[in-house]
N, C-alpha and C. Protein backbone atom coordinates (compact mmCIF):
# COMPACT_ATOMS: atom_id res chain seq x y z
N MET A 1 6.29 -22.24 -0.05
CA MET A 1 5.11 -21.67 0.58
C MET A 1 5.13 -20.16 0.35
N SER A 2 3.98 -19.61 0.00
CA SER A 2 3.92 -18.18 -0.27
C SER A 2 4.00 -17.37 1.01
N LEU A 3 4.42 -16.14 0.86
CA LEU A 3 4.53 -15.24 2.01
C LEU A 3 3.17 -15.03 2.67
N PHE A 4 2.13 -14.88 1.85
CA PHE A 4 0.79 -14.67 2.39
C PHE A 4 0.35 -15.86 3.24
N LYS A 5 0.65 -17.05 2.79
CA LYS A 5 0.27 -18.26 3.54
C LYS A 5 1.03 -18.32 4.87
N LYS A 6 2.31 -17.96 4.84
CA LYS A 6 3.10 -17.94 6.07
C LYS A 6 2.54 -16.93 7.06
N VAL A 7 2.19 -15.75 6.56
CA VAL A 7 1.61 -14.71 7.43
C VAL A 7 0.28 -15.19 7.99
N SER A 8 -0.53 -15.82 7.18
CA SER A 8 -1.83 -16.33 7.63
C SER A 8 -1.64 -17.37 8.73
N GLN A 9 -0.70 -18.26 8.55
CA GLN A 9 -0.45 -19.29 9.55
C GLN A 9 0.04 -18.66 10.85
N PHE A 10 0.92 -17.68 10.75
CA PHE A 10 1.41 -17.00 11.95
C PHE A 10 0.28 -16.28 12.67
N ALA A 11 -0.58 -15.61 11.91
CA ALA A 11 -1.67 -14.85 12.52
C ALA A 11 -2.65 -15.76 13.26
N SER A 12 -2.79 -16.98 12.83
CA SER A 12 -3.72 -17.89 13.50
C SER A 12 -3.07 -18.69 14.63
N SER A 13 -1.76 -18.54 14.78
CA SER A 13 -1.05 -19.25 15.85
C SER A 13 -1.19 -18.49 17.17
N PRO A 14 -0.96 -19.15 18.30
CA PRO A 14 -1.02 -18.44 19.59
C PRO A 14 -0.05 -17.25 19.66
N GLN A 15 1.15 -17.40 19.11
CA GLN A 15 2.12 -16.31 19.10
C GLN A 15 1.62 -15.15 18.24
N GLY A 16 1.00 -15.48 17.12
CA GLY A 16 0.47 -14.44 16.23
C GLY A 16 -0.67 -13.68 16.88
N ARG A 17 -1.56 -14.40 17.56
CA ARG A 17 -2.67 -13.74 18.25
C ARG A 17 -2.15 -12.83 19.36
N LYS A 18 -1.11 -13.27 20.06
CA LYS A 18 -0.53 -12.45 21.12
C LYS A 18 0.09 -11.18 20.52
N ALA A 19 0.79 -11.33 19.41
CA ALA A 19 1.41 -10.17 18.74
C ALA A 19 0.34 -9.19 18.26
N MET A 20 -0.76 -9.72 17.74
CA MET A 20 -1.85 -8.85 17.27
C MET A 20 -2.46 -8.08 18.44
N GLU A 21 -2.66 -8.75 19.56
CA GLU A 21 -3.23 -8.10 20.74
C GLU A 21 -2.30 -6.99 21.24
N GLN A 22 -1.00 -7.27 21.27
CA GLN A 22 -0.03 -6.25 21.71
C GLN A 22 -0.04 -5.06 20.75
N ALA A 23 -0.14 -5.33 19.46
CA ALA A 23 -0.16 -4.24 18.47
C ALA A 23 -1.41 -3.39 18.64
N LYS A 24 -2.54 -4.01 18.91
CA LYS A 24 -3.78 -3.26 19.14
C LYS A 24 -3.66 -2.37 20.37
N LYS A 25 -3.09 -2.90 21.44
CA LYS A 25 -2.91 -2.10 22.66
C LYS A 25 -1.99 -0.92 22.39
N TYR A 26 -0.90 -1.17 21.68
CA TYR A 26 0.06 -0.11 21.36
C TYR A 26 -0.61 0.97 20.52
N ALA A 27 -1.38 0.55 19.52
CA ALA A 27 -2.00 1.50 18.60
C ALA A 27 -3.13 2.29 19.26
N SER A 28 -3.70 1.78 20.33
CA SER A 28 -4.82 2.48 20.96
C SER A 28 -4.36 3.63 21.85
N ASP A 29 -3.08 3.67 22.21
CA ASP A 29 -2.54 4.76 23.02
C ASP A 29 -2.41 6.00 22.13
N PRO A 30 -2.99 7.14 22.55
CA PRO A 30 -2.96 8.34 21.70
C PRO A 30 -1.55 8.78 21.31
N LYS A 31 -0.58 8.68 22.22
CA LYS A 31 0.80 9.08 21.88
C LYS A 31 1.36 8.17 20.80
N ASN A 32 1.11 6.89 20.93
CA ASN A 32 1.62 5.94 19.94
C ASN A 32 0.89 6.11 18.62
N LYS A 33 -0.39 6.41 18.67
CA LYS A 33 -1.16 6.63 17.43
C LYS A 33 -0.57 7.79 16.65
N GLU A 34 -0.17 8.83 17.35
CA GLU A 34 0.45 9.98 16.68
C GLU A 34 1.75 9.57 15.99
N LYS A 35 2.56 8.76 16.68
CA LYS A 35 3.82 8.28 16.09
C LYS A 35 3.54 7.43 14.85
N ILE A 36 2.54 6.56 14.96
CA ILE A 36 2.18 5.69 13.83
C ILE A 36 1.74 6.54 12.64
N ASP A 37 0.92 7.56 12.90
CA ASP A 37 0.45 8.44 11.83
C ASP A 37 1.62 9.18 11.17
N GLN A 38 2.60 9.61 11.97
CA GLN A 38 3.76 10.31 11.40
C GLN A 38 4.55 9.39 10.47
N VAL A 39 4.77 8.16 10.90
CA VAL A 39 5.52 7.20 10.07
C VAL A 39 4.72 6.87 8.82
N LYS A 40 3.43 6.65 8.99
CA LYS A 40 2.57 6.32 7.84
C LYS A 40 2.59 7.45 6.82
N ASN A 41 2.46 8.68 7.30
CA ASN A 41 2.49 9.83 6.39
C ASN A 41 3.83 9.96 5.69
N LYS A 42 4.91 9.68 6.42
CA LYS A 42 6.24 9.74 5.81
C LYS A 42 6.40 8.67 4.73
N LEU A 43 5.91 7.47 5.02
CA LEU A 43 6.03 6.38 4.05
C LEU A 43 5.20 6.61 2.80
N PHE A 44 4.01 7.17 2.97
CA PHE A 44 3.10 7.33 1.85
C PHE A 44 3.14 8.73 1.24
N GLY A 45 4.08 9.56 1.68
CA GLY A 45 4.31 10.83 1.02
C GLY A 45 3.41 11.97 1.44
N LYS A 46 2.58 11.77 2.45
CA LYS A 46 1.72 12.86 2.90
C LYS A 46 2.53 13.76 3.80
N GLY A 47 2.23 15.04 3.76
CA GLY A 47 2.89 15.98 4.63
C GLY A 47 4.22 16.48 4.11
N LYS A 48 4.58 16.08 2.91
CA LYS A 48 5.84 16.57 2.33
C LYS A 48 5.64 17.99 1.85
N SER A 49 6.64 18.81 2.08
CA SER A 49 6.57 20.17 1.56
C SER A 49 7.20 20.17 0.18
N HIS A 50 6.54 20.82 -0.76
CA HIS A 50 7.05 20.86 -2.15
C HIS A 50 7.58 22.21 -2.47
């Protein structure tokens, strides 16, 4: 089974829906959004000093 199919099945399960809801709540908090943006920028190379 492909990884995408496994992820799709999890996302449609009750546990997956609960995890998605918790992630949305976490991401909607301004403090957490700032943390997420910092990690995202670090991962994708934005904000690096050259």
